[in-house]
C-alpha cells in the first residue's frame, strides 16, 4: 500500500514546494544580505556534495543551500532540467546571460539572499548542473564567487553510468524517473538538444548511445561552459581538483576560506579534515567515444593532469 501511495505523496510535496517558492519569490517585503553568494560548481559526481554539505555548510558563518530545485524553479522554471515540476522542453541544461529573464534577479535575491533566512551568514549554494550555467549565475548574482571542482573524467563518467542505471523514485503524473537523468530521462534529452543548438559535437551526437557516452558529453560541456567565463570571473573563482581536496584537505580548505572571507577556526577545520577521506581508486574502465569527443575528452584529461583516456568508437 505504501508503494502505491508514495508517488502521489511525492507529487504533492513537489507541488507544495514550488507553490511556496513562488510565493516567497513574489514577496517584496524582505531585506537583502549585502554579501554576494558563493556557488560550488562542477559536473555532477565530482565531489560537490562532500565539499558543500559535509564541510562548508557546517561552518558557523555559512548558510548552505543544497540542491534546492524548488527555489531555482521559483526563480525561473526553465532551470528544472530533471522535470520535477513538469516544465518539459521549456527547461534547459545550459543557461547563459541572454537567458536571464526580467525579474529573475529579484526573485533570486528573495529566495536565496533574504536576510531573515541567512542571518548575516555567507550564502553558499550547490546544484551540480550550475556548472553549465556560470554565465547565468554571474548575471543573476553580480559579484558572486565560485568554487569549481574538477575530477578525473573517467571516474565521473563511471559514477554517472552507475546512477543512470538505477531506477529513481516514482512521482505520480511523471514519466518513469531515473536517478541521474530525471523523469523520462529529461536531462539527457535536454543535454543533447542544448549541445546541438550550441554547436557541441553536432556531427557526433547521434552516435552517443550509452549513459557513459552522454555522461562524458556532460563532463566536457560543464568544463567548457566554465572555461567561457574564467577571464570574466578572474580571482572570484578558485579551481581545485577532487584529488587535492581528498589528499591535502587542510591546505585546500584554508585557500577556500580565504577566497570566501570566512575564518577557518580550528574546531571546524579539524572536523572538516576528518570528514574528507580519499576514495580508493577503482579498476580499469573502458570509455569509447566518437573521434572529436574522444580528442576533446583526452585533451581535458591531459590538461587537468588526469591519467585516464577514452578510446575511439
Protein backbone atom coordinates (compact mmCIF):
# COMPACT_ATOMS: atom_id res chain seq x y z
CA UNK A 1 0.00 0.00 0.00
CA UNK A 2 2.81 2.39 0.91
CA UNK A 3 4.45 1.88 -2.51
CA UNK A 4 1.15 2.73 -4.21
CA UNK A 5 0.57 5.90 -2.21
CA UNK A 6 4.16 7.23 -2.13
CA UNK A 7 4.23 8.54 -5.75
CA UNK A 8 1.18 10.71 -5.04
CA UNK A 9 2.78 11.99 -1.85
CA UNK A 10 5.90 12.99 -3.75
CA UNK A 11 3.86 14.75 -6.42
CA UNK A 12 2.03 16.71 -3.72
CA UNK A 13 5.31 17.54 -1.98
CA UNK A 14 6.81 18.99 -5.16
CA UNK A 15 3.64 20.94 -5.93
CA UNK A 16 3.60 22.48 -2.44
CA UNK A 17 7.34 23.24 -2.54
CA UNK A 18 7.04 25.08 -5.86
CA UNK A 19 3.99 26.97 -4.65
CA UNK A 20 5.81 28.13 -1.53
CA UNK A 21 8.89 29.12 -3.53
CA UNK A 22 6.81 31.18 -5.94
CA UNK A 23 5.01 32.84 -3.06
CA UNK A 24 8.28 33.81 -1.40
CA UNK A 25 9.75 34.91 -4.74
CA UNK A 26 6.93 37.42 -5.12
CA UNK A 27 7.16 38.76 -1.56
CA UNK A 28 8.55 42.28 -1.81
CA UNK A 29 8.87 42.74 1.95
CA UNK A 30 12.36 41.44 2.67
CA UNK A 31 15.86 42.66 3.44
CA UNK A 32 18.67 41.55 1.15
CA UNK A 33 22.02 40.49 2.58
CA UNK A 34 24.92 42.62 1.39
CA UNK A 35 27.26 39.64 0.94
CA UNK A 36 27.39 38.19 -2.61
CA UNK A 37 26.78 34.43 -2.65
CA UNK A 38 29.21 31.64 -3.39
CA UNK A 39 28.43 28.89 -5.89
CA UNK A 40 30.08 25.47 -5.58
CA UNK A 41 30.08 24.10 -9.12
CA UNK A 42 31.28 21.06 -11.03
CA UNK A 43 29.98 18.38 -13.30
CA UNK A 44 27.92 16.11 -11.08
CA UNK A 45 29.78 13.28 -9.30
CA UNK A 46 32.87 15.45 -8.84
CA UNK A 47 32.76 15.98 -5.08
CA UNK A 48 30.43 18.97 -4.69
CA UNK A 49 28.26 17.18 -2.12
CA UNK A 50 31.29 16.34 0.01
CA UNK A 51 32.62 19.89 -0.08
CA UNK A 52 29.31 21.67 0.31
CA UNK A 53 27.01 19.61 2.53
CA UNK A 54 29.61 17.80 4.61
CA UNK A 55 32.13 20.63 5.01
CA UNK A 56 31.26 24.22 4.05
CA UNK A 57 27.60 24.12 5.11
CA UNK A 58 28.74 23.10 8.62
CA UNK A 59 30.82 26.25 9.02
CA UNK A 60 29.15 28.54 11.59
CA UNK A 61 29.35 31.54 9.24
CA UNK A 62 27.80 29.75 6.26
CA UNK A 63 24.17 29.31 5.22
CA UNK A 64 24.14 26.38 2.82
CA UNK A 65 21.57 25.82 0.07
CA UNK A 66 21.89 22.22 -1.09
CA UNK A 67 20.27 21.31 -4.43
CA UNK A 68 17.19 23.45 -3.85
CA UNK A 69 15.49 22.68 -7.12
CA UNK A 70 12.27 24.17 -5.75
CA UNK A 71 13.87 27.55 -5.12
CA UNK A 72 15.54 27.60 -8.53
CA UNK A 73 12.19 26.75 -10.13
CA UNK A 74 10.79 29.71 -8.21
CA UNK A 75 13.47 31.90 -9.77
CA UNK A 76 12.98 30.51 -13.28
CA UNK A 77 11.03 27.35 -14.10
CA UNK A 78 13.40 26.69 -17.02
CA UNK A 79 16.06 25.56 -14.51
CA UNK A 80 14.07 22.34 -13.94
CA UNK A 81 16.11 20.11 -16.24
CA UNK A 82 15.19 16.94 -14.31
CA UNK A 83 11.47 17.63 -14.80
CA UNK A 84 10.31 17.67 -11.19
CA UNK A 85 7.72 20.32 -11.98
CA UNK A 86 6.54 19.19 -15.43
CA UNK A 87 8.07 22.05 -17.37
CA UNK A 88 9.08 19.76 -20.27
CA UNK A 89 11.00 21.15 -23.24
CA UNK A 90 10.89 24.67 -21.85
CA UNK A 91 13.74 23.73 -19.50
CA UNK A 92 17.44 23.85 -20.37
CA UNK A 93 20.69 22.41 -19.08
CA UNK A 94 22.88 25.24 -20.35
CA UNK A 95 21.84 28.77 -19.38
CA UNK A 96 23.74 31.92 -20.28
CA UNK A 97 23.44 35.65 -19.78
CA UNK A 98 20.83 36.00 -22.52
CA UNK A 99 18.59 33.55 -20.62
CA UNK A 100 18.19 35.96 -17.70
CA UNK A 101 14.51 36.93 -17.70
CA UNK A 102 13.09 40.14 -16.29
CA UNK A 103 12.55 39.82 -12.56
CA UNK A 104 14.74 36.73 -12.15
CA UNK A 105 17.45 38.58 -10.24
CA UNK A 106 14.91 39.96 -7.77
CA UNK A 107 13.36 36.51 -7.31
CA UNK A 108 16.80 35.04 -6.70
CA UNK A 109 17.52 37.63 -4.03
CA UNK A 110 14.21 37.00 -2.26
CA UNK A 111 14.73 33.24 -2.23
CA UNK A 112 18.47 32.91 -1.63
CA UNK A 113 19.67 36.22 -0.16
CA UNK A 114 16.85 37.01 2.28
CA UNK A 115 18.50 38.38 5.42
CA UNK A 116 15.83 36.79 7.63
CA UNK A 117 16.83 33.37 6.30
CA UNK A 118 20.61 33.70 6.08
CA UNK A 119 21.03 35.72 9.32
CA UNK A 120 24.16 37.59 8.14
CA UNK A 121 25.86 34.34 7.17
CA UNK A 122 27.55 33.75 3.83
CA UNK A 123 25.27 32.04 1.32
CA UNK A 124 26.95 29.01 -0.30
CA UNK A 125 24.82 27.27 -2.93
CA UNK A 126 25.37 23.94 -4.62
CA UNK A 127 23.48 22.45 -7.56
CA UNK A 128 25.74 20.41 -9.88
CA UNK A 129 24.11 21.40 -13.16
CA UNK A 130 25.03 25.00 -12.37
CA UNK A 131 28.46 24.29 -13.84
CA UNK A 132 26.69 24.71 -17.18
CA UNK A 133 25.10 27.96 -16.01
CA UNK A 134 28.05 30.01 -14.78
CA UNK A 135 27.37 32.92 -17.12
CA UNK A 136 23.73 32.94 -15.99
CA UNK A 137 24.75 32.83 -12.30
CA UNK A 138 27.24 35.65 -12.78
CA UNK A 139 24.44 37.74 -14.25
CA UNK A 140 21.83 36.89 -11.64
CA UNK A 141 24.24 37.46 -8.73
CA UNK A 142 26.84 40.11 -9.66
CA UNK A 143 29.96 39.82 -7.56
CA UNK A 144 29.35 36.16 -6.71
CA UNK A 145 32.32 33.90 -6.08
CA UNK A 146 32.75 30.39 -7.46
CA UNK A 147 34.46 27.23 -6.23
CA UNK A 148 34.95 24.87 -9.18
CA UNK A 149 35.90 21.25 -8.53
CA UNK A 150 37.42 19.14 -11.30
CA UNK A 151 37.64 15.37 -11.08
CA UNK A 152 39.09 12.70 -13.34
CA UNK A 153 36.61 12.39 -16.19
CA UNK A 154 36.83 8.60 -16.22
CA UNK A 155 35.76 8.44 -12.57
CA UNK A 156 32.96 10.96 -13.19
CA UNK A 157 31.61 9.08 -16.20
CA UNK A 158 31.75 5.74 -14.40
CA UNK A 159 29.79 7.21 -11.49
CA UNK A 160 27.21 8.80 -13.80
CA UNK A 161 26.71 5.48 -15.57
CA UNK A 162 26.10 3.68 -12.28
CA UNK A 163 23.48 6.19 -11.18
CA UNK A 164 21.84 6.34 -14.60
CA UNK A 165 21.28 2.59 -14.41
CA UNK A 166 19.45 2.91 -11.09
CA UNK A 167 15.70 3.43 -11.01
CA UNK A 168 14.67 6.58 -9.23
CA UNK A 169 11.63 7.24 -7.08
CA UNK A 170 8.26 7.33 -8.79
CA UNK A 171 6.28 10.57 -8.92
CA UNK A 172 2.60 10.45 -9.86
CA UNK A 173 1.89 12.09 -13.19
CA UNK A 174 5.53 11.93 -14.32
CA UNK A 175 7.28 9.51 -16.67
CA UNK A 176 9.46 6.88 -15.00
CA UNK A 177 12.34 8.62 -13.26
CA UNK A 178 15.98 7.55 -13.26
CA UNK A 179 18.38 8.60 -10.54
CA UNK A 180 20.60 10.64 -12.87
CA UNK A 181 18.56 11.84 -15.84
CA UNK A 182 15.29 12.63 -14.07
CA UNK A 183 11.71 11.94 -15.10
CA UNK A 184 11.50 10.50 -18.59
CA UNK A 185 15.29 10.91 -18.97
CA UNK A 186 14.58 14.63 -19.21
CA UNK A 187 18.10 15.90 -18.50
CA UNK A 188 19.65 13.52 -21.00
CA UNK A 189 17.28 14.68 -23.74
CA UNK A 190 17.77 18.37 -22.92
CA UNK A 191 21.55 17.97 -22.74
CA UNK A 192 21.67 16.51 -26.25
CA UNK A 193 19.32 19.22 -27.52
CA UNK A 194 21.39 22.02 -25.95
CA UNK A 195 24.61 20.51 -27.30
CA UNK A 196 23.16 20.52 -30.80
CA UNK A 197 21.89 24.09 -30.53
CA UNK A 198 25.17 25.41 -29.13
CA UNK A 199 27.39 23.54 -31.58
CA UNK A 200 28.91 20.93 -29.30
CA UNK A 201 29.96 17.87 -31.34
CA UNK A 202 26.94 18.24 -33.63
CA UNK A 203 28.10 15.61 -36.12
CA UNK A 204 28.63 13.01 -33.38
CA UNK A 205 25.64 13.42 -31.08
CA UNK A 206 23.62 10.72 -32.85
CA UNK A 207 26.40 8.24 -32.10
CA UNK A 208 26.00 8.63 -28.33
CA UNK A 209 24.03 5.59 -27.26
CA UNK A 210 25.13 4.76 -23.73
CA UNK A 211 24.77 6.53 -20.40
CA UNK A 212 28.56 6.70 -20.18
CA UNK A 213 28.88 8.44 -23.55
CA UNK A 214 26.26 11.06 -22.70
CA UNK A 215 27.86 11.42 -19.27
CA UNK A 216 31.15 12.19 -20.99
CA UNK A 217 29.36 14.86 -23.01
CA UNK A 218 28.04 16.38 -19.78
CA UNK A 219 31.54 16.38 -18.28
CA UNK A 220 33.06 18.09 -21.32
CA UNK A 221 30.27 20.65 -21.66
CA UNK A 222 30.48 21.52 -17.97
CA UNK A 223 34.20 22.22 -18.28
CA UNK A 224 33.76 24.25 -21.46
CA UNK A 225 30.94 26.36 -20.06
CA UNK A 226 33.08 27.19 -17.03
CA UNK A 227 36.02 27.94 -19.33
CA UNK A 228 33.94 30.53 -21.21
CA UNK A 229 33.66 32.62 -18.04
CA UNK A 230 37.10 32.24 -16.47
CA UNK A 231 38.52 35.53 -17.72
CA UNK A 232 35.42 37.43 -16.67
CA UNK A 233 35.40 35.92 -13.17
CA UNK A 234 39.12 36.39 -12.56
CA UNK A 235 40.02 35.98 -8.89
CA UNK A 236 36.37 35.47 -7.96
CA UNK A 237 36.76 31.81 -8.92
CA UNK A 238 39.01 29.16 -7.50
CA UNK A 239 39.52 25.84 -9.27
CA UNK A 240 40.61 22.78 -7.34
CA UNK A 241 40.87 19.08 -8.02
CA UNK A 242 38.93 16.45 -6.13
CA UNK A 243 42.21 14.56 -5.70
CA UNK A 244 43.83 17.54 -3.95
CA UNK A 245 40.76 18.07 -1.80
CA UNK A 246 40.85 14.50 -0.55
CA UNK A 247 44.62 14.20 -0.11
CA UNK A 248 45.53 17.69 1.11
CA UNK A 249 42.27 18.81 2.71
CA UNK A 250 43.64 21.25 5.26
CA UNK A 251 45.60 23.32 2.74
CA UNK A 252 42.73 23.36 0.23
CA UNK A 253 40.19 24.40 2.86
CA UNK A 254 42.41 27.25 4.02
CA UNK A 255 42.61 28.51 0.44
CA UNK A 256 38.82 28.26 0.07
CA UNK A 257 38.22 30.10 3.35
CA UNK A 258 40.49 32.91 2.21
CA UNK A 259 38.54 33.27 -1.04
CA UNK A 260 35.20 33.18 0.77
CA UNK A 261 36.30 35.58 3.50
CA UNK A 262 35.42 33.26 6.38
CA UNK A 263 37.60 32.25 9.30
CA UNK A 264 38.93 28.72 9.39
CA UNK A 265 38.51 28.15 13.10
CA UNK A 266 40.40 25.11 14.34
CA UNK A 267 37.41 23.08 15.54
CA UNK A 268 35.58 23.37 12.23
CA UNK A 269 38.78 22.75 10.27
CA UNK A 270 39.66 19.64 12.28
CA UNK A 271 36.17 18.22 11.83
CA UNK A 272 36.24 19.03 8.11
CA UNK A 273 39.60 17.34 7.56
CA UNK A 274 38.36 14.29 9.44
CA UNK A 275 35.25 14.18 7.22
CA UNK A 276 37.13 14.32 3.94
CA UNK A 277 38.54 10.95 3.01
CA UNK A 278 40.18 9.80 -0.20
CA UNK A 279 38.12 7.23 -2.06
CA UNK A 280 40.12 4.20 -3.20
CA UNK A 281 40.75 4.12 -6.93
CA UNK A 282 38.72 1.52 -8.73
CA UNK A 283 39.87 -0.77 -11.52
CA UNK A 284 40.23 -0.06 -15.21
CA UNK A 285 37.26 1.38 -17.07
CA UNK A 286 36.81 1.49 -20.83
CA UNK A 287 35.13 4.53 -22.34
CA UNK A 288 34.59 4.65 -26.10
CA UNK A 289 33.68 7.96 -27.75
CA UNK A 290 33.34 9.33 -31.30
CA UNK A 291 36.59 10.83 -32.63
CA UNK A 292 36.05 14.54 -31.92
CA UNK A 293 34.62 13.86 -28.47
CA UNK A 294 37.43 11.43 -27.75
CA UNK A 295 40.00 14.07 -28.67
CA UNK A 296 38.31 16.71 -26.53
CA UNK A 297 37.90 14.35 -23.56
CA UNK A 298 41.53 13.28 -23.67
CA UNK A 299 42.78 16.85 -24.10
CA UNK A 300 40.90 17.90 -20.99
CA UNK A 301 42.24 14.89 -19.11
CA UNK A 302 45.79 15.80 -20.04
CA UNK A 303 45.30 19.49 -19.30
CA UNK A 304 43.91 18.74 -15.84
CA UNK A 305 46.61 16.18 -15.07
CA UNK A 306 44.41 13.06 -15.05
CA UNK A 307 45.63 9.71 -16.28
CA UNK A 308 42.55 8.08 -17.84
CA UNK A 309 41.90 8.24 -21.56
CA UNK A 310 38.92 7.47 -23.78
CA UNK A 311 39.16 5.14 -26.74
CA UNK A 312 37.67 5.75 -30.19
CA UNK A 313 34.43 4.02 -31.17
